[in-house]
């Protein structure tokens, strides 16, 4: 009887979670549906002032987020052509999963909707540990019309996340 109550409570909790996070779950099960926002939306978000000073140098928009710990360079045409985010993993304190998702949302909100950011975080976190060696990280994932590459050194903590249109080299 107690087992049935516990099982019933678990099922109800899962059902509530599925309804509450239905958009995120949709993107987890359909990662090909994750799409970067249009170049105009991205440009408008970056130039809104919410991301600090944004420099345009030769068509590459550069700015820093998370108290200057992440340097982002973005190339836009009609869509997101390339994004390079450089950071040192040891300089970004993360206190749990919700904090990591919050920081990911800050960095990725000009490019993806909140449910897409969560889904991308879930997808990468499920696969990334298998691509981490004692010397570094070398990981890639195709999402929608873009490819995500994560590379870095475990010794120094220096990381580079690159997003390119599929078919372009990292």
Protein backbone atom coordinates (compact mmCIF):
# COMPACT_ATOMS: atom_id res chain seq x y z
CA UNK A 1 0.00 0.00 0.00
CA UNK A 2 2.78 2.44 0.93
CA UNK A 3 4.63 1.47 -2.26
CA UNK A 4 1.54 2.29 -4.33
CA UNK A 5 1.22 5.70 -2.63
CA UNK A 6 4.88 6.48 -3.28
CA UNK A 7 4.58 5.31 -6.89
CA UNK A 8 1.39 7.35 -7.37
CA UNK A 9 3.04 10.46 -5.92
CA UNK A 10 6.03 9.96 -8.21
CA UNK A 11 3.79 9.60 -11.27
CA UNK A 12 1.80 12.72 -10.36
CA UNK A 13 5.06 14.64 -9.84
CA UNK A 14 6.37 13.51 -13.23
CA UNK A 15 3.09 14.48 -14.90
CA UNK A 16 3.22 17.96 -13.32
CA UNK A 17 6.85 18.35 -14.39
CA UNK A 18 6.01 17.24 -17.94
CA UNK A 19 3.18 19.80 -18.19
CA UNK A 20 5.21 22.57 -16.52
CA UNK A 21 8.29 21.98 -18.71
CA UNK A 22 6.50 20.75 -21.83
CA UNK A 23 8.28 23.15 -24.19
CA UNK A 24 11.68 22.17 -22.84
CA UNK A 25 10.83 18.48 -23.10
CA UNK A 26 9.65 19.03 -26.66
CA UNK A 27 13.10 20.38 -27.59
CA UNK A 28 14.90 17.63 -25.66
CA UNK A 29 13.05 15.00 -27.71
CA UNK A 30 13.27 17.06 -30.93
CA UNK A 31 16.71 18.73 -30.84
CA UNK A 32 16.54 19.39 -34.58
CA UNK A 33 13.76 21.92 -33.79
CA UNK A 34 16.11 24.12 -31.73
CA UNK A 35 16.73 27.12 -33.98
CA UNK A 36 18.72 30.30 -33.45
CA UNK A 37 16.66 33.47 -33.51
CA UNK A 38 16.82 35.63 -36.63
CA UNK A 39 19.83 37.88 -37.12
CA UNK A 40 17.65 40.96 -36.61
CA UNK A 41 16.35 39.65 -33.26
CA UNK A 42 19.88 38.76 -32.13
CA UNK A 43 21.29 42.13 -33.21
CA UNK A 44 18.42 43.99 -31.47
CA UNK A 45 18.94 42.02 -28.24
CA UNK A 46 22.71 42.60 -28.24
CA UNK A 47 22.40 46.32 -28.95
CA UNK A 48 19.63 46.82 -26.34
CA UNK A 49 22.19 47.62 -23.65
CA UNK A 50 21.39 44.53 -21.58
CA UNK A 51 24.74 42.98 -22.57
CA UNK A 52 26.93 45.99 -21.89
CA UNK A 53 29.18 47.51 -24.49
CA UNK A 54 29.03 45.73 -27.84
CA UNK A 55 31.80 46.45 -30.32
CA UNK A 56 31.45 45.95 -34.05
CA UNK A 57 34.82 45.14 -35.55
CA UNK A 58 34.72 44.03 -39.15
CA UNK A 59 31.22 42.56 -38.90
CA UNK A 60 31.95 40.66 -35.68
CA UNK A 61 29.99 41.85 -32.65
CA UNK A 62 32.01 41.35 -29.46
CA UNK A 63 30.93 41.75 -25.87
CA UNK A 64 31.46 40.30 -22.39
CA UNK A 65 28.90 38.75 -20.03
CA UNK A 66 28.81 37.20 -16.55
CA UNK A 67 30.86 40.00 -15.01
CA UNK A 68 33.33 39.93 -17.89
CA UNK A 69 34.23 36.25 -17.49
CA UNK A 70 32.82 35.22 -20.88
CA UNK A 71 33.93 36.95 -24.08
CA UNK A 72 31.54 36.42 -26.98
CA UNK A 73 32.14 37.13 -30.66
CA UNK A 74 29.21 36.87 -33.07
CA UNK A 75 29.01 37.00 -36.85
CA UNK A 76 25.56 37.59 -38.32
CA UNK A 77 24.25 37.63 -41.87
CA UNK A 78 20.60 36.69 -42.38
CA UNK A 79 21.10 34.21 -39.56
CA UNK A 80 23.71 33.39 -36.94
CA UNK A 81 26.83 32.52 -38.93
CA UNK A 82 29.26 31.98 -36.08
CA UNK A 83 29.51 32.44 -32.35
CA UNK A 84 32.70 32.02 -30.30
CA UNK A 85 32.48 32.15 -26.52
CA UNK A 86 35.78 32.07 -24.63
CA UNK A 87 35.97 31.66 -20.89
CA UNK A 88 37.89 30.04 -18.08
CA UNK A 89 35.72 27.42 -16.38
CA UNK A 90 37.53 27.90 -13.09
CA UNK A 91 36.61 31.62 -13.03
CA UNK A 92 32.84 31.04 -13.26
CA UNK A 93 31.55 29.81 -9.92
CA UNK A 94 28.47 27.63 -10.31
CA UNK A 95 26.45 26.59 -7.30
CA UNK A 96 24.19 23.88 -8.63
CA UNK A 97 22.11 23.02 -11.64
CA UNK A 98 19.69 25.95 -11.39
CA UNK A 99 22.62 28.39 -11.19
CA UNK A 100 24.25 26.77 -14.25
CA UNK A 101 20.97 27.03 -16.20
CA UNK A 102 20.56 30.65 -15.12
CA UNK A 103 24.06 31.52 -16.34
CA UNK A 104 23.49 29.63 -19.58
CA UNK A 105 20.28 31.61 -20.07
CA UNK A 106 22.16 34.90 -19.59
CA UNK A 107 24.73 33.92 -22.22
CA UNK A 108 22.31 32.30 -24.70
CA UNK A 109 19.14 34.40 -24.35
CA UNK A 110 19.93 36.61 -27.37
CA UNK A 111 20.08 33.46 -29.51
CA UNK A 112 17.54 30.96 -28.12
CA UNK A 113 14.26 30.96 -26.20
CA UNK A 114 14.38 29.92 -22.51
CA UNK A 115 12.96 26.42 -23.21
CA UNK A 116 15.56 25.93 -25.96
CA UNK A 117 18.36 27.01 -23.60
CA UNK A 118 17.19 24.49 -20.98
CA UNK A 119 16.87 21.73 -23.55
CA UNK A 120 20.33 22.45 -24.94
CA UNK A 121 21.72 22.35 -21.40
CA UNK A 122 20.07 19.00 -20.77
CA UNK A 123 21.23 17.55 -24.09
CA UNK A 124 24.83 18.67 -23.63
CA UNK A 125 24.98 17.62 -19.97
CA UNK A 126 23.81 14.11 -20.91
CA UNK A 127 26.57 13.67 -23.51
CA UNK A 128 29.47 15.91 -22.45
CA UNK A 129 30.91 13.75 -19.64
CA UNK A 130 31.76 11.05 -22.18
CA UNK A 131 33.89 13.54 -24.10
CA UNK A 132 35.88 14.83 -21.15
CA UNK A 133 39.33 13.34 -20.72
CA UNK A 134 41.96 14.17 -18.13
CA UNK A 135 43.66 16.47 -20.63
CA UNK A 136 40.64 18.24 -22.09
CA UNK A 137 37.25 18.36 -23.74
CA UNK A 138 36.49 17.79 -27.41
CA UNK A 139 32.75 17.66 -28.08
CA UNK A 140 30.36 18.49 -30.91
CA UNK A 141 26.60 18.34 -31.37
CA UNK A 142 24.38 19.23 -34.33
CA UNK A 143 21.34 21.22 -33.26
CA UNK A 144 18.87 22.42 -35.86
CA UNK A 145 20.81 24.19 -38.59
CA UNK A 146 23.89 24.76 -36.43
CA UNK A 147 26.73 22.74 -34.93
CA UNK A 148 28.01 23.29 -31.40
CA UNK A 149 31.66 22.58 -30.61
CA UNK A 150 33.13 22.60 -27.10
CA UNK A 151 36.90 22.40 -26.69
CA UNK A 152 39.12 23.15 -23.76
CA UNK A 153 41.85 22.23 -21.36
CA UNK A 154 41.12 20.58 -18.03
CA UNK A 155 44.51 21.78 -16.74
CA UNK A 156 44.01 25.49 -17.38
CA UNK A 157 40.19 25.64 -17.52
CA UNK A 158 40.33 27.64 -20.76
CA UNK A 159 37.30 26.78 -22.89
CA UNK A 160 35.97 27.70 -26.30
CA UNK A 161 32.39 27.11 -27.36
CA UNK A 162 31.85 27.63 -31.07
CA UNK A 163 28.54 27.60 -32.89
CA UNK A 164 28.59 27.51 -36.69
CA UNK A 165 26.12 26.90 -39.48
CA UNK A 166 26.15 23.24 -40.43
CA UNK A 167 28.75 22.62 -43.11
CA UNK A 168 31.08 25.38 -41.88
CA UNK A 169 34.31 24.49 -40.09
CA UNK A 170 34.78 25.30 -36.43
